């Protein structure tokens, strides 16, 4: 019964005169999880979005960190069970599915 309590992701692209920085913060709480996305392009003020999801919507959620761990386990087992699908959160912070 593993669950994600909190996850932080940061991505920064250094383009000559236009750096782009993306941050994602996911935090679990009593009623589900809140995902906050922050985007900063160059010297422009940051844009921020926040999404909240219920525990029912997130049942079986596989965030990026857990996905990497699962991929290693599957590689060690040298196989993927058919129809292996999990709820996930895409780069925009929206719910989607992750299929293996």
N, C-alpha and C. Protein backbone atom coordinates (compact mmCIF):
# COMPACT_ATOMS: atom_id res chain seq x y z
N UNK A 1 0.84 -1.19 0.00
CA UNK A 1 0.00 0.00 0.00
C UNK A 1 0.88 1.25 0.00
N UNK A 2 1.57 1.47 -1.09
CA UNK A 2 2.39 2.67 -1.23
C UNK A 2 1.54 3.80 -1.76
N UNK A 3 1.80 5.01 -1.32
CA UNK A 3 1.09 6.16 -1.86
C UNK A 3 2.03 7.35 -1.90
N UNK A 4 1.77 8.24 -2.82
CA UNK A 4 2.57 9.46 -2.93
C UNK A 4 2.02 10.49 -1.97
N UNK A 5 2.86 10.96 -1.06
CA UNK A 5 2.45 12.00 -0.11
C UNK A 5 2.75 13.38 -0.66
N UNK A 6 3.90 13.49 -1.35
CA UNK A 6 4.29 14.77 -1.92
C UNK A 6 5.33 14.51 -3.01
N UNK A 7 5.27 15.31 -4.06
CA UNK A 7 6.24 15.18 -5.15
C UNK A 7 6.50 16.56 -5.74
N UNK A 8 7.76 16.82 -6.03
CA UNK A 8 8.18 18.10 -6.61
C UNK A 8 8.98 17.79 -7.88
N UNK A 9 8.63 18.44 -8.96
CA UNK A 9 9.36 18.31 -10.22
C UNK A 9 9.78 19.69 -10.68
N UNK A 10 10.98 19.78 -11.24
CA UNK A 10 11.43 21.06 -11.79
C UNK A 10 12.16 20.78 -13.10
N UNK A 11 11.81 21.57 -14.10
CA UNK A 11 12.43 21.45 -15.42
C UNK A 11 12.83 22.84 -15.87
N UNK A 12 14.06 22.99 -16.33
CA UNK A 12 14.53 24.30 -16.80
C UNK A 12 15.26 24.12 -18.12
N UNK A 13 14.81 24.89 -19.12
CA UNK A 13 15.45 24.89 -20.43
C UNK A 13 16.18 26.21 -20.59
N UNK A 14 17.46 26.13 -20.86
CA UNK A 14 18.26 27.34 -21.05
C UNK A 14 18.41 27.63 -22.54
N UNK A 15 17.53 28.44 -23.04
CA UNK A 15 17.63 28.88 -24.42
C UNK A 15 18.29 30.26 -24.39
N UNK A 16 19.09 30.58 -25.32
CA UNK A 16 19.94 31.79 -25.29
C UNK A 16 19.33 32.97 -24.55
N UNK A 17 18.29 33.55 -25.05
CA UNK A 17 17.73 34.74 -24.41
C UNK A 17 16.36 34.48 -23.79
N UNK A 18 15.97 33.21 -23.74
CA UNK A 18 14.60 32.93 -23.32
C UNK A 18 14.53 31.64 -22.48
N UNK A 19 15.02 31.66 -21.22
CA UNK A 19 14.93 30.45 -20.41
C UNK A 19 13.47 30.15 -20.04
N UNK A 20 13.17 28.87 -19.93
CA UNK A 20 11.83 28.43 -19.55
C UNK A 20 11.97 27.53 -18.33
N UNK A 21 11.17 27.80 -17.33
CA UNK A 21 11.19 26.99 -16.11
C UNK A 21 9.78 26.50 -15.80
N UNK A 22 9.66 25.19 -15.57
CA UNK A 22 8.38 24.59 -15.21
C UNK A 22 8.55 23.87 -13.89
N UNK A 23 7.62 24.11 -12.99
CA UNK A 23 7.62 23.42 -11.70
C UNK A 23 6.25 22.80 -11.46
N UNK A 24 6.28 21.63 -10.89
CA UNK A 24 5.05 20.95 -10.52
C UNK A 24 5.19 20.49 -9.08
N UNK A 25 4.21 20.81 -8.28
CA UNK A 25 4.20 20.38 -6.89
C UNK A 25 2.89 19.64 -6.63
N UNK A 26 3.02 18.40 -6.17
CA UNK A 26 1.85 17.59 -5.85
C UNK A 26 1.88 17.30 -4.35
N UNK A 27 0.78 17.52 -3.68
CA UNK A 27 0.72 17.23 -2.25
C UNK A 27 -0.61 16.54 -1.92
N UNK A 28 -0.49 15.45 -1.17
CA UNK A 28 -1.65 14.69 -0.76
C UNK A 28 -2.25 15.33 0.49
N UNK A 29 -3.56 15.29 0.60
CA UNK A 29 -4.24 15.79 1.78
C UNK A 29 -5.42 14.86 2.08
N UNK A 30 -6.14 15.15 3.13
CA UNK A 30 -7.21 14.28 3.60
C UNK A 30 -8.24 13.92 2.52
N UNK A 31 -8.55 14.85 1.65
CA UNK A 31 -9.61 14.63 0.66
C UNK A 31 -9.09 14.23 -0.72
N UNK A 32 -7.78 14.20 -0.93
CA UNK A 32 -7.24 13.84 -2.23
C UNK A 32 -5.86 14.42 -2.45
N UNK A 33 -5.69 15.15 -3.55
CA UNK A 33 -4.38 15.69 -3.89
C UNK A 33 -4.55 17.02 -4.62
N UNK A 34 -3.64 17.93 -4.36
CA UNK A 34 -3.60 19.20 -5.08
C UNK A 34 -2.33 19.24 -5.91
N UNK A 35 -2.48 19.62 -7.17
CA UNK A 35 -1.35 19.74 -8.10
C UNK A 35 -1.23 21.21 -8.47
N UNK A 36 -0.05 21.78 -8.27
CA UNK A 36 0.20 23.17 -8.62
C UNK A 36 1.27 23.21 -9.69
N UNK A 37 0.97 23.89 -10.79
CA UNK A 37 1.91 24.05 -11.91
C UNK A 37 2.33 25.51 -11.99
N UNK A 38 3.63 25.74 -12.13
CA UNK A 38 4.16 27.10 -12.28
C UNK A 38 5.01 27.13 -13.54
N UNK A 39 4.76 28.12 -14.39
CA UNK A 39 5.51 28.29 -15.64
C UNK A 39 6.08 29.69 -15.68
N UNK A 40 7.37 29.76 -15.96
CA UNK A 40 8.02 31.06 -16.10
C UNK A 40 8.83 31.04 -17.40
N UNK A 41 8.55 32.02 -18.26
CA UNK A 41 9.26 32.13 -19.53
C UNK A 41 10.03 33.45 -19.55
N UNK A 42 11.34 33.37 -19.61
CA UNK A 42 12.16 34.58 -19.62
C UNK A 42 11.94 35.41 -18.37
N UNK A 43 11.79 36.69 -18.55
CA UNK A 43 11.59 37.61 -17.42
C UNK A 43 10.11 37.90 -17.16
N UNK A 44 9.22 37.20 -17.88
CA UNK A 44 7.78 37.40 -17.73
C UNK A 44 7.35 36.85 -16.37
N UNK A 45 6.37 37.49 -15.76
CA UNK A 45 5.86 37.02 -14.48
C UNK A 45 5.35 35.58 -14.60
N UNK A 46 5.57 34.80 -13.59
CA UNK A 46 5.17 33.39 -13.58
C UNK A 46 3.66 33.24 -13.72
N UNK A 47 3.27 32.18 -14.42
CA UNK A 47 1.87 31.79 -14.51
C UNK A 47 1.68 30.60 -13.58
N UNK A 48 0.56 30.53 -12.89
CA UNK A 48 0.35 29.47 -11.91
C UNK A 48 -1.06 28.89 -12.08
N UNK A 49 -1.15 27.57 -12.05
CA UNK A 49 -2.43 26.86 -12.11
C UNK A 49 -2.46 25.85 -10.98
N UNK A 50 -3.63 25.61 -10.45
CA UNK A 50 -3.77 24.63 -9.38
C UNK A 50 -5.00 23.76 -9.67
N UNK A 51 -4.84 22.45 -9.46
CA UNK A 51 -5.90 21.49 -9.70
C UNK A 51 -6.03 20.62 -8.46
N UNK A 52 -7.24 20.31 -8.07
CA UNK A 52 -7.47 19.40 -6.94
C UNK A 52 -8.25 18.19 -7.44
N UNK A 53 -7.87 17.02 -6.93
CA UNK A 53 -8.51 15.78 -7.31
C UNK A 53 -8.90 15.01 -6.06
N UNK A 54 -10.02 14.33 -6.10
CA UNK A 54 -10.49 13.54 -4.96
C UNK A 54 -9.72 12.23 -4.89
N UNK A 55 -9.80 11.58 -3.74
CA UNK A 55 -9.14 10.28 -3.58
C UNK A 55 -9.72 9.25 -4.54
N UNK A 56 -11.02 9.33 -4.79
CA UNK A 56 -11.65 8.38 -5.72
C UNK A 56 -11.09 8.52 -7.13
N UNK A 57 -10.87 9.76 -7.57
CA UNK A 57 -10.31 10.00 -8.91
C UNK A 57 -8.88 9.49 -9.02
N UNK A 58 -8.16 9.49 -7.91
CA UNK A 58 -6.73 9.17 -7.92
C UNK A 58 -6.42 7.74 -7.51
N UNK A 59 -7.44 6.93 -7.30
CA UNK A 59 -7.20 5.54 -6.88
C UNK A 59 -6.30 4.86 -7.91
N UNK A 60 -5.14 4.38 -7.45
CA UNK A 60 -4.18 3.73 -8.33
C UNK A 60 -3.27 4.70 -9.06
N UNK A 61 -3.26 5.99 -8.66
CA UNK A 61 -2.43 7.00 -9.33
C UNK A 61 -0.98 6.57 -9.42
N UNK A 62 -0.37 6.80 -10.56
CA UNK A 62 1.02 6.47 -10.78
C UNK A 62 1.76 7.74 -11.21
N UNK A 63 2.26 8.54 -10.24
CA UNK A 63 3.02 9.74 -10.60
C UNK A 63 4.38 9.36 -11.20
N UNK A 64 5.08 10.35 -11.71
CA UNK A 64 6.31 10.10 -12.47
C UNK A 64 7.35 9.30 -11.68
N UNK A 65 7.55 9.65 -10.42
CA UNK A 65 8.54 8.93 -9.61
C UNK A 65 8.20 7.46 -9.46
N UNK A 66 6.93 7.16 -9.21
CA UNK A 66 6.48 5.77 -9.07
C UNK A 66 6.55 5.04 -10.41
N UNK A 67 6.31 5.76 -11.49
CA UNK A 67 6.38 5.16 -12.82
C UNK A 67 7.80 4.67 -13.12
N UNK A 68 8.79 5.46 -12.76
CA UNK A 68 10.19 5.04 -12.97
C UNK A 68 10.51 3.78 -12.17
N UNK A 69 10.03 3.71 -10.95
CA UNK A 69 10.24 2.53 -10.12
C UNK A 69 9.55 1.32 -10.74
N UNK A 70 8.31 1.49 -11.19
CA UNK A 70 7.58 0.40 -11.82
C UNK A 70 8.30 -0.10 -13.07
N UNK A 71 8.82 0.82 -13.88
CA UNK A 71 9.55 0.41 -15.09
C UNK A 71 10.76 -0.45 -14.75
N UNK A 72 11.44 -0.12 -13.68
CA UNK A 72 12.61 -0.93 -13.26
C UNK A 72 12.17 -2.32 -12.82
N UNK A 73 11.08 -2.40 -12.06
CA UNK A 73 10.56 -3.70 -11.63
C UNK A 73 10.16 -4.54 -12.85
N UNK A 74 9.44 -3.93 -13.79
CA UNK A 74 9.02 -4.66 -15.00
C UNK A 74 10.23 -5.13 -15.81
N UNK A 75 11.27 -4.31 -15.86
CA UNK A 75 12.48 -4.70 -16.59
C UNK A 75 13.14 -5.90 -15.93
N UNK A 76 13.17 -5.92 -14.59
CA UNK A 76 13.75 -7.06 -13.87
C UNK A 76 12.93 -8.32 -14.10
N UNK A 77 11.63 -8.18 -14.22
CA UNK A 77 10.76 -9.33 -14.47
C UNK A 77 10.73 -9.71 -15.94
N UNK A 78 11.26 -8.85 -16.77
CA UNK A 78 11.32 -9.06 -18.22
C UNK A 78 9.95 -9.32 -18.83
N UNK A 79 8.98 -8.52 -18.39
CA UNK A 79 7.64 -8.67 -18.96
C UNK A 79 6.68 -7.64 -18.41
N UNK A 80 5.65 -7.40 -19.18
CA UNK A 80 4.61 -6.45 -18.79
C UNK A 80 3.27 -7.19 -18.85
N UNK A 81 2.54 -7.22 -17.74
CA UNK A 81 1.22 -7.86 -17.78
C UNK A 81 0.33 -7.16 -18.81
N UNK A 82 -0.50 -7.91 -19.54
CA UNK A 82 -1.37 -7.28 -20.54
C UNK A 82 -2.39 -6.35 -19.88
N UNK A 83 -2.68 -5.25 -20.54
CA UNK A 83 -3.69 -4.31 -20.06
C UNK A 83 -3.29 -3.53 -18.83
N UNK A 84 -2.00 -3.31 -18.62
CA UNK A 84 -1.52 -2.57 -17.45
C UNK A 84 -1.72 -1.07 -17.68
N UNK A 85 -2.74 -0.50 -17.02
CA UNK A 85 -3.12 0.91 -17.19
C UNK A 85 -3.33 1.53 -15.81
N UNK A 86 -2.79 2.74 -15.64
CA UNK A 86 -2.92 3.47 -14.38
C UNK A 86 -3.39 4.89 -14.64
N UNK A 87 -4.11 5.50 -13.68
CA UNK A 87 -4.35 6.93 -13.80
C UNK A 87 -3.04 7.67 -13.58
N UNK A 88 -2.85 8.77 -14.27
CA UNK A 88 -1.63 9.57 -14.16
C UNK A 88 -2.01 11.05 -14.30
N UNK A 89 -1.04 11.90 -14.09
CA UNK A 89 -1.25 13.33 -14.26
C UNK A 89 -0.29 13.80 -15.35
N UNK A 90 -0.83 14.42 -16.41
CA UNK A 90 0.00 14.83 -17.55
C UNK A 90 0.79 16.11 -17.23
N UNK A 91 1.56 16.56 -18.21
CA UNK A 91 2.41 17.73 -18.02
C UNK A 91 1.64 19.02 -17.79
N UNK A 92 0.33 19.01 -18.11
CA UNK A 92 -0.51 20.18 -17.89
C UNK A 92 -1.24 20.13 -16.55
N UNK A 93 -1.05 19.00 -15.81
CA UNK A 93 -1.71 18.87 -14.51
C UNK A 93 -3.08 18.22 -14.57
N UNK A 94 -3.45 17.71 -15.74
CA UNK A 94 -4.76 17.08 -15.92
C UNK A 94 -4.67 15.57 -15.77
N UNK A 95 -5.75 14.95 -15.32
CA UNK A 95 -5.79 13.49 -15.22
C UNK A 95 -5.77 12.86 -16.61
N UNK A 96 -5.02 11.78 -16.73
CA UNK A 96 -4.95 11.01 -17.97
C UNK A 96 -4.69 9.56 -17.58
N UNK A 97 -4.40 8.71 -18.54
CA UNK A 97 -4.03 7.32 -18.23
C UNK A 97 -2.64 7.05 -18.76
N UNK A 98 -1.97 6.14 -18.09
CA UNK A 98 -0.64 5.71 -18.49
C UNK A 98 -0.71 4.22 -18.77
N UNK A 99 -0.42 3.82 -20.01
CA UNK A 99 -0.50 2.42 -20.42
C UNK A 99 0.90 1.88 -20.64
N UNK A 100 1.09 0.62 -20.29
CA UNK A 100 2.39 -0.04 -20.48
C UNK A 100 2.26 -1.19 -21.43
